[in-house]
Amino acid sequence: MKLDLEKYRHVLDDTDLSEDEKTDYLQTVWVILHECMQLALKECTVPQDEKHKVPDSNPGQE
């Protein structure tokens, strides 16, 4: 997905931010939201039994 700055720029019209600052702000928020979405999608694709698996405290030790 691509960020459409003009679609959201109006949300910051009542701020004292310059146009460059608005762009930076919107891009930062977009990256955060995109990463959250990626993490959520990754979490949804992990099989249920692996989500609740307790890690071995001594891997390779028997």
PDB file of N, CA and C in Angstrom:
ATOM      1  N   MET A   1       0.837  -1.188   0.000  1.00  0.00           N
ATOM      2  CA  MET A   1       0.000   0.000   0.000  1.00  0.00           C
ATOM      3  C   MET A   1       0.875   1.243   0.000  1.00  0.00           C
ATOM      4  N   LYS A   2       0.398   2.248  -0.663  1.00  0.00           N
ATOM      5  CA  LYS A   2       1.143   3.488  -0.760  1.00  0.00           C
ATOM      6  C   LYS A   2       0.402   4.589  -0.003  1.00  0.00           C
ATOM      7  N   LEU A   3       1.154   5.427   0.676  1.00  0.00           N
ATOM      8  CA  LEU A   3       0.585   6.541   1.430  1.00  0.00           C
ATOM      9  C   LEU A   3       0.174   7.663   0.481  1.00  0.00           C
ATOM     10  N   ASP A   4      -1.057   8.114   0.599  1.00  0.00           N
ATOM     11  CA  ASP A   4      -1.561   9.258  -0.153  1.00  0.00           C
ATOM     12  C   ASP A   4      -1.557  10.453   0.800  1.00  0.00           C
ATOM     13  N   LEU A   5      -0.475  11.228   0.767  1.00  0.00           N
ATOM     14  CA  LEU A   5      -0.315  12.348   1.699  1.00  0.00           C
ATOM     15  C   LEU A   5      -1.457  13.353   1.607  1.00  0.00           C
ATOM     16  N   GLU A   6      -1.909  13.629   0.409  1.00  0.00           N
ATOM     17  CA  GLU A   6      -2.940  14.655   0.229  1.00  0.00           C
ATOM     18  C   GLU A   6      -4.271  14.231   0.851  1.00  0.00           C
ATOM     19  N   LYS A   7      -4.493  12.955   0.944  1.00  0.00           N
ATOM     20  CA  LYS A   7      -5.728  12.453   1.532  1.00  0.00           C
ATOM     21  C   LYS A   7      -5.809  12.775   3.024  1.00  0.00           C
ATOM     22  N   TYR A   8      -4.650  12.831   3.700  1.00  0.00           N
ATOM     23  CA  TYR A   8      -4.626  13.017   5.152  1.00  0.00           C
ATOM     24  C   TYR A   8      -4.046  14.350   5.609  1.00  0.00           C
ATOM     25  N   ARG A   9      -3.455  15.091   4.708  1.00  0.00           N
ATOM     26  CA  ARG A   9      -2.796  16.346   5.074  1.00  0.00           C
ATOM     27  C   ARG A   9      -3.754  17.332   5.756  1.00  0.00           C
ATOM     28  N   HIS A  10      -5.015  17.328   5.352  1.00  0.00           N
ATOM     29  CA  HIS A  10      -5.994  18.268   5.922  1.00  0.00           C
ATOM     30  C   HIS A  10      -6.183  18.069   7.431  1.00  0.00           C
ATOM     31  N   VAL A  11      -5.896  16.877   7.927  1.00  0.00           N
ATOM     32  CA  VAL A  11      -6.050  16.599   9.355  1.00  0.00           C
ATOM     33  C   VAL A  11      -5.119  17.482  10.178  1.00  0.00           C
ATOM     34  N   LEU A  12      -4.015  17.896   9.583  1.00  0.00           N
ATOM     35  CA  LEU A  12      -3.018  18.704  10.280  1.00  0.00           C
ATOM     36  C   LEU A  12      -3.113  20.194   9.946  1.00  0.00           C
ATOM     37  N   ASP A  13      -4.168  20.597   9.273  1.00  0.00           N
ATOM     38  CA  ASP A  13      -4.306  22.003   8.869  1.00  0.00           C
ATOM     39  C   ASP A  13      -4.341  22.973  10.042  1.00  0.00           C
ATOM     40  N   ASP A  14      -4.876  22.557  11.168  1.00  0.00           N
ATOM     41  CA  ASP A  14      -4.994  23.456  12.323  1.00  0.00           C
ATOM     42  C   ASP A  14      -3.756  23.450  13.217  1.00  0.00           C
ATOM     43  N   THR A  15      -2.677  22.880  12.733  1.00  0.00           N
ATOM     44  CA  THR A  15      -1.439  22.841  13.515  1.00  0.00           C
ATOM     45  C   THR A  15      -0.486  23.928  13.023  1.00  0.00           C
ATOM     46  N   ASP A  16       0.567  24.141  13.777  1.00  0.00           N
ATOM     47  CA  ASP A  16       1.601  25.110  13.380  1.00  0.00           C
ATOM     48  C   ASP A  16       2.734  24.445  12.608  1.00  0.00           C
ATOM     49  N   LEU A  17       2.494  23.248  12.107  1.00  0.00           N
ATOM     50  CA  LEU A  17       3.536  22.523  11.394  1.00  0.00           C
ATOM     51  C   LEU A  17       3.715  23.069   9.983  1.00  0.00           C
ATOM     52  N   SER A  18       4.953  23.075   9.537  1.00  0.00           N
ATOM     53  CA  SER A  18       5.228  23.444   8.146  1.00  0.00           C
ATOM     54  C   SER A  18       4.787  22.280   7.253  1.00  0.00           C
ATOM     55  N   GLU A  19       4.764  22.490   5.962  1.00  0.00           N
ATOM     56  CA  GLU A  19       4.376  21.428   5.034  1.00  0.00           C
ATOM     57  C   GLU A  19       5.350  20.257   5.116  1.00  0.00           C
ATOM     58  N   ASP A  20       6.637  20.548   5.263  1.00  0.00           N
ATOM     59  CA  ASP A  20       7.632  19.479   5.408  1.00  0.00           C
ATOM     60  C   ASP A  20       7.420  18.698   6.702  1.00  0.00           C
ATOM     61  N   GLU A  21       7.095  19.392   7.775  1.00  0.00           N
ATOM     62  CA  GLU A  21       6.835  18.728   9.053  1.00  0.00           C
ATOM     63  C   GLU A  21       5.575  17.870   8.981  1.00  0.00           C
ATOM     64  N   LYS A  22       4.563  18.369   8.285  1.00  0.00           N
ATOM     65  CA  LYS A  22       3.336  17.580   8.099  1.00  0.00           C
ATOM     66  C   LYS A  22       3.645  16.296   7.334  1.00  0.00           C
ATOM     67  N   THR A  23       4.450  16.438   6.296  1.00  0.00           N
ATOM     68  CA  THR A  23       4.836  15.265   5.512  1.00  0.00           C
ATOM     69  C   THR A  23       5.589  14.268   6.375  1.00  0.00           C
ATOM     70  N   ASP A  24       6.564  14.739   7.133  1.00  0.00           N
ATOM     71  CA  ASP A  24       7.330  13.861   8.024  1.00  0.00           C
ATOM     72  C   ASP A  24       6.426  13.172   9.036  1.00  0.00           C
ATOM     73  N   TYR A  25       5.522  13.934   9.623  1.00  0.00           N
ATOM     74  CA  TYR A  25       4.604  13.390  10.625  1.00  0.00           C
ATOM     75  C   TYR A  25       3.728  12.289  10.020  1.00  0.00           C
ATOM     76  N   LEU A  26       3.122  12.576   8.873  1.00  0.00           N
ATOM     77  CA  LEU A  26       2.247  11.607   8.225  1.00  0.00           C
ATOM     78  C   LEU A  26       3.009  10.348   7.812  1.00  0.00           C
ATOM     79  N   GLN A  27       4.222  10.526   7.326  1.00  0.00           N
ATOM     80  CA  GLN A  27       5.023   9.369   6.942  1.00  0.00           C
ATOM     81  C   GLN A  27       5.395   8.525   8.166  1.00  0.00           C
ATOM     82  N   THR A  28       5.689   9.169   9.272  1.00  0.00           N
ATOM     83  CA  THR A  28       6.025   8.453  10.497  1.00  0.00           C
ATOM     84  C   THR A  28       4.833   7.652  11.008  1.00  0.00           C
ATOM     85  N   VAL A  29       3.675   8.281  11.053  1.00  0.00           N
ATOM     86  CA  VAL A  29       2.461   7.585  11.497  1.00  0.00           C
ATOM     87  C   VAL A  29       2.162   6.419  10.562  1.00  0.00           C
ATOM     88  N   TRP A  30       2.341   6.633   9.270  1.00  0.00           N
ATOM     89  CA  TRP A  30       2.090   5.588   8.285  1.00  0.00           C
ATOM     90  C   TRP A  30       3.006   4.374   8.514  1.00  0.00           C
ATOM     91  N   VAL A  31       4.281   4.634   8.762  1.00  0.00           N
ATOM     92  CA  VAL A  31       5.229   3.540   9.006  1.00  0.00           C
ATOM     93  C   VAL A  31       4.843   2.760  10.258  1.00  0.00           C
ATOM     94  N   ILE A  32       4.468   3.467  11.313  1.00  0.00           N
ATOM     95  CA  ILE A  32       4.062   2.806  12.558  1.00  0.00           C
ATOM     96  C   ILE A  32       2.841   1.930  12.313  1.00  0.00           C
ATOM     97  N   LEU A  33       1.831   2.463  11.645  1.00  0.00           N
ATOM     98  CA  LEU A  33       0.618   1.693  11.369  1.00  0.00           C
ATOM     99  C   LEU A  33       0.906   0.499  10.465  1.00  0.00           C
ATOM    100  N   HIS A  34       1.746   0.709   9.484  1.00  0.00           N
ATOM    101  CA  HIS A  34       2.106  -0.374   8.557  1.00  0.00           C
ATOM    102  C   HIS A  34       2.818  -1.496   9.303  1.00  0.00           C
ATOM    103  N   GLU A  35       3.753  -1.157  10.184  1.00  0.00           N
ATOM    104  CA  GLU A  35       4.472  -2.171  10.952  1.00  0.00           C
ATOM    105  C   GLU A  35       3.535  -2.917  11.902  1.00  0.00           C
ATOM    106  N   CYS A  36       2.611  -2.206  12.522  1.00  0.00           N
ATOM    107  CA  CYS A  36       1.624  -2.864  13.391  1.00  0.00           C
ATOM    108  C   CYS A  36       0.786  -3.854  12.598  1.00  0.00           C
ATOM    109  N   MET A  37       0.390  -3.461  11.417  1.00  0.00           N
ATOM    110  CA  MET A  37      -0.401  -4.335  10.564  1.00  0.00           C
ATOM    111  C   MET A  37       0.410  -5.563  10.171  1.00  0.00           C
ATOM    112  N   GLN A  38       1.681  -5.364   9.821  1.00  0.00           N
ATOM    113  CA  GLN A  38       2.537  -6.492   9.447  1.00  0.00           C
ATOM    114  C   GLN A  38       2.702  -7.461  10.609  1.00  0.00           C
ATOM    115  N   LEU A  39       2.900  -6.937  11.813  1.00  0.00           N
ATOM    116  CA  LEU A  39       3.033  -7.791  12.989  1.00  0.00           C
ATOM    117  C   LEU A  39       1.746  -8.561  13.261  1.00  0.00           C
ATOM    118  N   ALA A  40       0.626  -7.902  13.107  1.00  0.00           N
ATOM    119  CA  ALA A  40      -0.660  -8.560  13.330  1.00  0.00           C
ATOM    120  C   ALA A  40      -0.873  -9.673  12.314  1.00  0.00           C
ATOM    121  N   LEU A  41      -0.544  -9.424  11.072  1.00  0.00           N
ATOM    122  CA  LEU A  41      -0.696 -10.452  10.044  1.00  0.00           C
ATOM    123  C   LEU A  41       0.250 -11.614  10.301  1.00  0.00           C
ATOM    124  N   LYS A  42       1.450 -11.321  10.726  1.00  0.00           N
ATOM    125  CA  LYS A  42       2.411 -12.374  11.044  1.00  0.00           C
ATOM    126  C   LYS A  42       1.901 -13.209  12.215  1.00  0.00           C
ATOM    127  N   GLU A  43       1.353 -12.554  13.226  1.00  0.00           N
ATOM    128  CA  GLU A  43       0.821 -13.243  14.402  1.00  0.00           C
ATOM    129  C   GLU A  43      -0.338 -14.155  14.005  1.00  0.00           C
ATOM    130  N   CYS A  44      -1.142 -13.713  13.079  1.00  0.00           N
ATOM    131  CA  CYS A  44      -2.297 -14.510  12.645  1.00  0.00           C
ATOM    132  C   CYS A  44      -1.878 -15.748  11.867  1.00  0.00           C
ATOM    133  N   THR A  45      -0.696 -15.736  11.278  1.00  0.00           N
ATOM    134  CA  THR A  45      -0.263 -16.868  10.465  1.00  0.00           C
ATOM    135  C   THR A  45       0.511 -17.909  11.263  1.00  0.00           C
ATOM    136  N   VAL A  46       0.835 -17.639  12.523  1.00  0.00           N
ATOM    137  CA  VAL A  46       1.537 -18.607  13.365  1.00  0.00           C
ATOM    138  C   VAL A  46       0.520 -19.631  13.855  1.00  0.00           C
ATOM    139  N   PRO A  47       0.807 -20.918  13.654  1.00  0.00           N
ATOM    140  CA  PRO A  47      -0.133 -21.936  14.139  1.00  0.00           C
ATOM    141  C   PRO A  47      -0.380 -21.802  15.640  1.00  0.00           C
ATOM    142  N   GLN A  48      -1.602 -22.087  16.062  1.00  0.00           N
ATOM    143  CA  GLN A  48      -2.001 -21.913  17.458  1.00  0.00           C
ATOM    144  C   GLN A  48      -1.082 -22.639  18.429  1.00  0.00           C
ATOM    145  N   ASP A  49      -0.675 -23.871  18.108  1.00  0.00           N
ATOM    146  CA  ASP A  49       0.151 -24.618  19.045  1.00  0.00           C
ATOM    147  C   ASP A  49       1.525 -23.984  19.218  1.00  0.00           C
ATOM    148  N   GLU A  50       2.024 -23.269  18.227  1.00  0.00           N
ATOM    149  CA  GLU A  50       3.313 -22.589  18.354  1.00  0.00           C
ATOM    150  C   GLU A  50       3.191 -21.292  19.151  1.00  0.00           C
ATOM    151  N   LYS A  51       2.020 -20.661  19.143  1.00  0.00           N
ATOM    152  CA  LYS A  51       1.826 -19.421  19.894  1.00  0.00           C
ATOM    153  C   LYS A  51       1.973 -19.658  21.389  1.00  0.00           C
ATOM    154  N   HIS A  52       1.530 -20.817  21.831  1.00  0.00           N
ATOM    155  CA  HIS A  52       1.504 -21.093  23.260  1.00  0.00           C
ATOM    156  C   HIS A  52       2.623 -22.035  23.697  1.00  0.00           C
ATOM    157  N   LYS A  53       3.541 -22.298  22.798  1.00  0.00           N
ATOM    158  CA  LYS A  53       4.650 -23.188  23.090  1.00  0.00           C
ATOM    159  C   LYS A  53       5.610 -22.512  24.072  1.00  0.00           C
ATOM    160  N   VAL A  54       6.004 -23.229  25.105  1.00  0.00           N
ATOM    161  CA  VAL A  54       6.960 -22.704  26.079  1.00  0.00           C
ATOM    162  C   VAL A  54       8.352 -23.009  25.557  1.00  0.00           C
ATOM    163  N   PRO A  55       9.205 -21.982  25.420  1.00  0.00           N
ATOM    164  CA  PRO A  55      10.547 -22.229  24.885  1.00  0.00           C
ATOM    165  C   PRO A  55      11.356 -23.130  25.828  1.00  0.00           C
ATOM    166  N   ASP A  56      12.175 -23.981  25.241  1.00  0.00           N
ATOM    167  CA  ASP A  56      13.045 -24.873  25.995  1.00  0.00           C
ATOM    168  C   ASP A  56      14.144 -24.032  26.641  1.00  0.00           C
ATOM    169  N   SER A  57      14.299 -24.149  27.951  1.00  0.00           N
ATOM    170  CA  SER A  57      15.285 -23.329  28.658  1.00  0.00           C
ATOM    171  C   SER A  57      16.714 -23.807  28.416  1.00  0.00           C
ATOM    172  N   ASN A  58      16.886 -25.065  28.023  1.00  0.00           N
ATOM    173  CA  ASN A  58      18.211 -25.622  27.755  1.00  0.00           C
ATOM    174  C   ASN A  58      18.193 -26.371  26.428  1.00  0.00           C
ATOM    175  N   PRO A  59      18.152 -25.646  25.314  1.00  0.00           N
ATOM    176  CA  PRO A  59      18.094 -26.335  24.032  1.00  0.00           C
ATOM    177  C   PRO A  59      19.353 -27.179  23.813  1.00  0.00           C
ATOM    178  N   GLY A  60      19.159 -28.385  23.331  1.00  0.00           N
ATOM    179  CA  GLY A  60      20.288 -29.266  23.057  1.00  0.00           C
ATOM    180  C   GLY A  60      20.736 -30.064  24.265  1.00  0.00           C
ATOM    181  N   GLN A  61      20.240 -29.775  25.439  1.00  0.00           N
ATOM    182  CA  GLN A  61      20.602 -30.492  26.659  1.00  0.00           C
ATOM    183  C   GLN A  61      19.542 -31.543  26.959  1.00  0.00           C
ATOM    184  N   GLU A  62      19.974 -32.762  27.187  1.00  0.00           N
ATOM    185  CA  GLU A  62      19.008 -33.810  27.553  1.00  0.00           C
ATOM    186  C   GLU A  62      19.398 -34.460  28.828  1.00  0.00           C
TER     187      GLU A  62
END
